[in-house]
């Protein structure tokens, strides 16, 4: 990866929070730590990102990829796909 990737997880929006966004954040954090990717991937909690009803939502920058209805079991795949630059079609959201 040339630039540091940023992974944003909506943890404060009502829908995301109710559907387990905190668990998604923790699972992503664990994957990043286990793989030693802290220097390559920045994980951040966010306020509502305007994708209510599709949560928990995850946004990847600078690639402009959005994922919806993310569960903790998706997180290892998200990190692998980020490294391989291959988005996950089954959870990818269409552009806003």
N, C-alpha and C. Protein backbone atom coordinates (compact mmCIF):
# COMPACT_ATOMS: atom_id res chain seq x y z
N UNK A 1 0.84 -1.19 0.00
CA UNK A 1 0.00 0.00 0.00
C UNK A 1 0.88 1.24 0.00
N UNK A 2 0.59 2.16 -0.88
CA UNK A 2 1.40 3.36 -0.94
C UNK A 2 0.99 4.37 0.12
N UNK A 3 -0.28 4.70 0.19
CA UNK A 3 -0.78 5.64 1.19
C UNK A 3 -1.38 4.87 2.35
N UNK A 4 -1.40 5.52 3.51
CA UNK A 4 -2.05 4.91 4.67
C UNK A 4 -3.55 4.84 4.40
N UNK A 5 -4.11 3.67 4.53
CA UNK A 5 -5.55 3.48 4.34
C UNK A 5 -6.27 3.96 5.59
N UNK A 6 -7.46 4.50 5.40
CA UNK A 6 -8.28 4.92 6.53
C UNK A 6 -9.57 4.14 6.49
N UNK A 7 -9.93 3.57 7.63
CA UNK A 7 -11.15 2.79 7.75
C UNK A 7 -12.02 3.49 8.79
N UNK A 8 -13.18 3.96 8.35
CA UNK A 8 -14.11 4.67 9.22
C UNK A 8 -15.29 3.76 9.55
N UNK A 9 -15.64 3.68 10.81
CA UNK A 9 -16.77 2.87 11.25
C UNK A 9 -17.76 3.79 11.96
N UNK A 10 -18.99 3.83 11.46
CA UNK A 10 -20.02 4.61 12.14
C UNK A 10 -20.37 3.89 13.44
N UNK A 11 -20.02 4.52 14.55
CA UNK A 11 -20.32 3.92 15.85
C UNK A 11 -21.32 4.74 16.66
N UNK A 12 -21.68 5.91 16.14
CA UNK A 12 -22.55 6.79 16.91
C UNK A 12 -23.91 7.02 16.27
N UNK A 13 -24.07 6.64 15.01
CA UNK A 13 -25.37 6.74 14.36
C UNK A 13 -26.31 5.71 14.98
N UNK A 14 -27.57 6.06 15.10
CA UNK A 14 -28.53 5.20 15.81
C UNK A 14 -28.63 3.79 15.21
N UNK A 15 -28.82 3.70 13.91
CA UNK A 15 -28.98 2.39 13.27
C UNK A 15 -27.72 1.54 13.43
N UNK A 16 -26.58 2.13 13.15
CA UNK A 16 -25.31 1.38 13.26
C UNK A 16 -25.07 0.93 14.69
N UNK A 17 -25.29 1.83 15.61
CA UNK A 17 -25.07 1.51 17.02
C UNK A 17 -25.97 0.35 17.46
N UNK A 18 -27.24 0.40 17.06
CA UNK A 18 -28.19 -0.65 17.43
C UNK A 18 -27.86 -2.00 16.80
N UNK A 19 -27.20 -1.97 15.66
CA UNK A 19 -26.92 -3.21 14.92
C UNK A 19 -25.51 -3.75 15.18
N UNK A 20 -24.81 -3.21 16.19
CA UNK A 20 -23.55 -3.80 16.59
C UNK A 20 -22.29 -3.17 16.03
N UNK A 21 -22.33 -1.89 15.73
CA UNK A 21 -21.15 -1.22 15.16
C UNK A 21 -19.94 -1.29 16.08
N UNK A 22 -20.16 -1.27 17.36
CA UNK A 22 -19.03 -1.32 18.30
C UNK A 22 -18.29 -2.66 18.17
N UNK A 23 -19.04 -3.74 17.99
CA UNK A 23 -18.42 -5.05 17.80
C UNK A 23 -17.63 -5.10 16.48
N UNK A 24 -18.17 -4.44 15.45
CA UNK A 24 -17.47 -4.37 14.16
C UNK A 24 -16.16 -3.62 14.34
N UNK A 25 -16.22 -2.48 15.01
CA UNK A 25 -15.01 -1.69 15.26
C UNK A 25 -13.96 -2.52 16.00
N UNK A 26 -14.38 -3.21 17.05
CA UNK A 26 -13.45 -4.02 17.84
C UNK A 26 -12.85 -5.16 17.02
N UNK A 27 -13.65 -5.78 16.17
CA UNK A 27 -13.14 -6.87 15.32
C UNK A 27 -12.13 -6.34 14.30
N UNK A 28 -12.39 -5.17 13.73
CA UNK A 28 -11.43 -4.57 12.80
C UNK A 28 -10.14 -4.21 13.52
N UNK A 29 -10.28 -3.62 14.69
CA UNK A 29 -9.12 -3.25 15.49
C UNK A 29 -8.26 -4.48 15.81
N UNK A 30 -8.91 -5.57 16.17
CA UNK A 30 -8.20 -6.81 16.48
C UNK A 30 -7.45 -7.34 15.27
N UNK A 31 -8.10 -7.32 14.10
CA UNK A 31 -7.45 -7.79 12.87
C UNK A 31 -6.23 -6.95 12.54
N UNK A 32 -6.36 -5.64 12.64
CA UNK A 32 -5.25 -4.74 12.33
C UNK A 32 -4.08 -5.01 13.28
N UNK A 33 -4.38 -5.17 14.56
CA UNK A 33 -3.33 -5.43 15.55
C UNK A 33 -2.67 -6.79 15.33
N UNK A 34 -3.49 -7.83 15.10
CA UNK A 34 -2.95 -9.18 14.92
C UNK A 34 -2.02 -9.27 13.71
N UNK A 35 -2.34 -8.51 12.67
CA UNK A 35 -1.53 -8.55 11.46
C UNK A 35 -0.41 -7.50 11.46
N UNK A 36 -0.34 -6.70 12.53
CA UNK A 36 0.71 -5.68 12.63
C UNK A 36 0.60 -4.59 11.59
N UNK A 37 -0.62 -4.18 11.29
CA UNK A 37 -0.86 -3.20 10.23
C UNK A 37 -1.14 -1.78 10.73
N UNK A 38 -0.82 -1.52 11.98
CA UNK A 38 -1.12 -0.20 12.56
C UNK A 38 -0.45 0.94 11.79
N UNK A 39 0.69 0.69 11.18
CA UNK A 39 1.38 1.74 10.41
C UNK A 39 0.79 1.92 9.01
N UNK A 40 -0.04 0.97 8.59
CA UNK A 40 -0.60 1.03 7.24
C UNK A 40 -2.09 1.38 7.22
N UNK A 41 -2.79 1.06 8.30
CA UNK A 41 -4.24 1.26 8.34
C UNK A 41 -4.62 2.06 9.58
N UNK A 42 -5.32 3.15 9.37
CA UNK A 42 -5.81 3.99 10.47
C UNK A 42 -7.30 3.69 10.64
N UNK A 43 -7.69 3.25 11.83
CA UNK A 43 -9.08 2.92 12.14
C UNK A 43 -9.67 4.05 12.96
N UNK A 44 -10.84 4.54 12.55
CA UNK A 44 -11.47 5.66 13.25
C UNK A 44 -12.96 5.42 13.46
N UNK A 45 -13.45 5.84 14.62
CA UNK A 45 -14.89 5.85 14.90
C UNK A 45 -15.44 7.15 14.35
N UNK A 46 -16.69 7.12 13.84
CA UNK A 46 -17.29 8.34 13.31
C UNK A 46 -18.71 8.52 13.83
N UNK A 47 -19.20 9.71 13.59
CA UNK A 47 -20.62 10.01 13.78
C UNK A 47 -21.35 9.38 12.60
N UNK A 48 -22.65 9.62 12.51
CA UNK A 48 -23.45 9.11 11.40
C UNK A 48 -22.84 9.56 10.07
N UNK A 49 -22.75 8.64 9.12
CA UNK A 49 -22.20 8.95 7.80
C UNK A 49 -23.29 9.03 6.73
N UNK A 50 -24.56 9.08 7.18
CA UNK A 50 -25.65 9.29 6.24
C UNK A 50 -26.10 8.06 5.47
N UNK A 51 -25.76 6.90 5.93
CA UNK A 51 -26.20 5.66 5.28
C UNK A 51 -27.12 4.89 6.22
N UNK A 52 -27.96 5.63 6.92
CA UNK A 52 -28.87 5.05 7.91
C UNK A 52 -29.72 3.95 7.26
N UNK A 53 -29.93 2.90 8.01
CA UNK A 53 -30.69 1.76 7.51
C UNK A 53 -29.81 0.72 6.85
N UNK A 54 -28.56 1.06 6.61
CA UNK A 54 -27.64 0.12 5.95
C UNK A 54 -26.50 -0.28 6.89
N UNK A 55 -26.66 0.04 8.14
CA UNK A 55 -25.57 -0.15 9.10
C UNK A 55 -25.47 -1.54 9.65
N UNK A 56 -24.39 -1.79 10.32
CA UNK A 56 -23.24 -0.91 10.49
C UNK A 56 -22.53 -0.65 9.17
N UNK A 57 -22.10 0.61 9.01
CA UNK A 57 -21.41 1.00 7.79
C UNK A 57 -19.93 1.22 8.05
N UNK A 58 -19.14 0.89 7.02
CA UNK A 58 -17.70 1.06 7.04
C UNK A 58 -17.31 1.75 5.74
N UNK A 59 -16.48 2.78 5.87
CA UNK A 59 -16.01 3.53 4.69
C UNK A 59 -14.49 3.40 4.62
N UNK A 60 -13.98 3.11 3.42
CA UNK A 60 -12.55 2.96 3.20
C UNK A 60 -12.07 4.14 2.36
N UNK A 61 -11.04 4.82 2.85
CA UNK A 61 -10.44 5.92 2.09
C UNK A 61 -8.96 5.62 1.92
N UNK A 62 -8.33 6.01 0.88
CA UNK A 62 -8.82 6.90 -0.17
C UNK A 62 -9.58 6.18 -1.27
N UNK A 63 -9.86 4.89 -1.13
CA UNK A 63 -10.48 4.11 -2.20
C UNK A 63 -11.97 4.41 -2.42
N UNK A 64 -12.60 5.14 -1.52
CA UNK A 64 -14.01 5.50 -1.63
C UNK A 64 -14.91 4.27 -1.72
N UNK A 65 -14.64 3.29 -0.89
CA UNK A 65 -15.45 2.07 -0.85
C UNK A 65 -16.30 2.12 0.42
N UNK A 66 -17.57 1.80 0.27
CA UNK A 66 -18.51 1.74 1.39
C UNK A 66 -19.02 0.33 1.54
N UNK A 67 -19.10 -0.13 2.78
CA UNK A 67 -19.69 -1.43 3.08
C UNK A 67 -20.86 -1.22 4.03
N UNK A 68 -21.90 -2.03 3.86
CA UNK A 68 -23.07 -1.94 4.71
C UNK A 68 -23.47 -3.28 5.28
N UNK A 69 -24.24 -3.23 6.36
CA UNK A 69 -24.68 -4.43 7.08
C UNK A 69 -23.47 -5.29 7.45
N UNK A 70 -22.41 -4.63 7.88
CA UNK A 70 -21.17 -5.31 8.23
C UNK A 70 -21.33 -5.99 9.59
N UNK A 71 -20.83 -7.21 9.69
CA UNK A 71 -20.83 -7.93 10.96
C UNK A 71 -19.38 -8.19 11.35
N UNK A 72 -19.14 -8.51 12.60
CA UNK A 72 -17.76 -8.81 13.02
C UNK A 72 -17.11 -9.92 12.19
N UNK A 73 -17.89 -10.88 11.73
CA UNK A 73 -17.31 -11.97 10.94
C UNK A 73 -16.86 -11.52 9.55
N UNK A 74 -17.26 -10.31 9.12
CA UNK A 74 -16.80 -9.76 7.84
C UNK A 74 -15.44 -9.06 7.95
N UNK A 75 -15.01 -8.78 9.15
CA UNK A 75 -13.87 -7.88 9.36
C UNK A 75 -12.54 -8.42 8.86
N UNK A 76 -12.26 -9.69 9.04
CA UNK A 76 -11.02 -10.26 8.52
C UNK A 76 -11.00 -10.16 7.00
N UNK A 77 -12.14 -10.41 6.38
CA UNK A 77 -12.24 -10.32 4.92
C UNK A 77 -12.07 -8.88 4.45
N UNK A 78 -12.61 -7.93 5.21
CA UNK A 78 -12.46 -6.51 4.85
C UNK A 78 -10.98 -6.13 4.86
N UNK A 79 -10.25 -6.53 5.87
CA UNK A 79 -8.82 -6.20 5.94
C UNK A 79 -8.06 -6.88 4.80
N UNK A 80 -8.35 -8.14 4.54
CA UNK A 80 -7.69 -8.83 3.41
C UNK A 80 -8.00 -8.15 2.09
N UNK A 81 -9.25 -7.75 1.90
CA UNK A 81 -9.64 -7.11 0.64
C UNK A 81 -8.99 -5.73 0.50
N UNK A 82 -8.81 -5.05 1.62
CA UNK A 82 -8.15 -3.75 1.61
C UNK A 82 -6.69 -3.89 1.16
N UNK A 83 -6.02 -4.89 1.68
CA UNK A 83 -4.63 -5.14 1.30
C UNK A 83 -4.50 -5.56 -0.16
N UNK A 84 -5.46 -6.35 -0.63
CA UNK A 84 -5.43 -6.86 -2.00
C UNK A 84 -6.06 -5.90 -3.01
N UNK A 85 -6.69 -4.83 -2.50
CA UNK A 85 -7.38 -3.85 -3.36
C UNK A 85 -8.48 -4.52 -4.18
N UNK A 86 -9.21 -5.46 -3.54
CA UNK A 86 -10.33 -6.12 -4.20
C UNK A 86 -11.56 -5.99 -3.31
N UNK A 87 -12.47 -5.07 -3.64
CA UNK A 87 -13.67 -4.86 -2.82
C UNK A 87 -14.53 -6.12 -2.72
N UNK A 88 -15.30 -6.19 -1.65
CA UNK A 88 -16.18 -7.32 -1.38
C UNK A 88 -17.57 -6.98 -1.92
N UNK A 89 -17.96 -7.60 -2.99
CA UNK A 89 -19.22 -7.27 -3.67
C UNK A 89 -20.45 -7.49 -2.79
N UNK A 90 -20.47 -8.55 -2.01
CA UNK A 90 -21.69 -8.91 -1.27
C UNK A 90 -22.09 -7.89 -0.20
N UNK A 91 -21.14 -7.10 0.31
CA UNK A 91 -21.48 -6.09 1.33
C UNK A 91 -21.21 -4.66 0.85
N UNK A 92 -20.75 -4.52 -0.38
CA UNK A 92 -20.43 -3.19 -0.90
C UNK A 92 -21.71 -2.40 -1.19
N UNK A 93 -21.70 -1.15 -0.76
CA UNK A 93 -22.83 -0.26 -1.04
C UNK A 93 -22.56 0.51 -2.32
N UNK A 94 -23.64 0.82 -3.00
CA UNK A 94 -23.52 1.65 -4.21
C UNK A 94 -23.14 3.07 -3.79
N UNK A 95 -22.59 3.82 -4.72
CA UNK A 95 -22.20 5.18 -4.43
C UNK A 95 -23.41 6.00 -4.01
N UNK A 96 -23.17 6.97 -3.15
CA UNK A 96 -24.26 7.83 -2.64
C UNK A 96 -24.77 8.74 -3.72
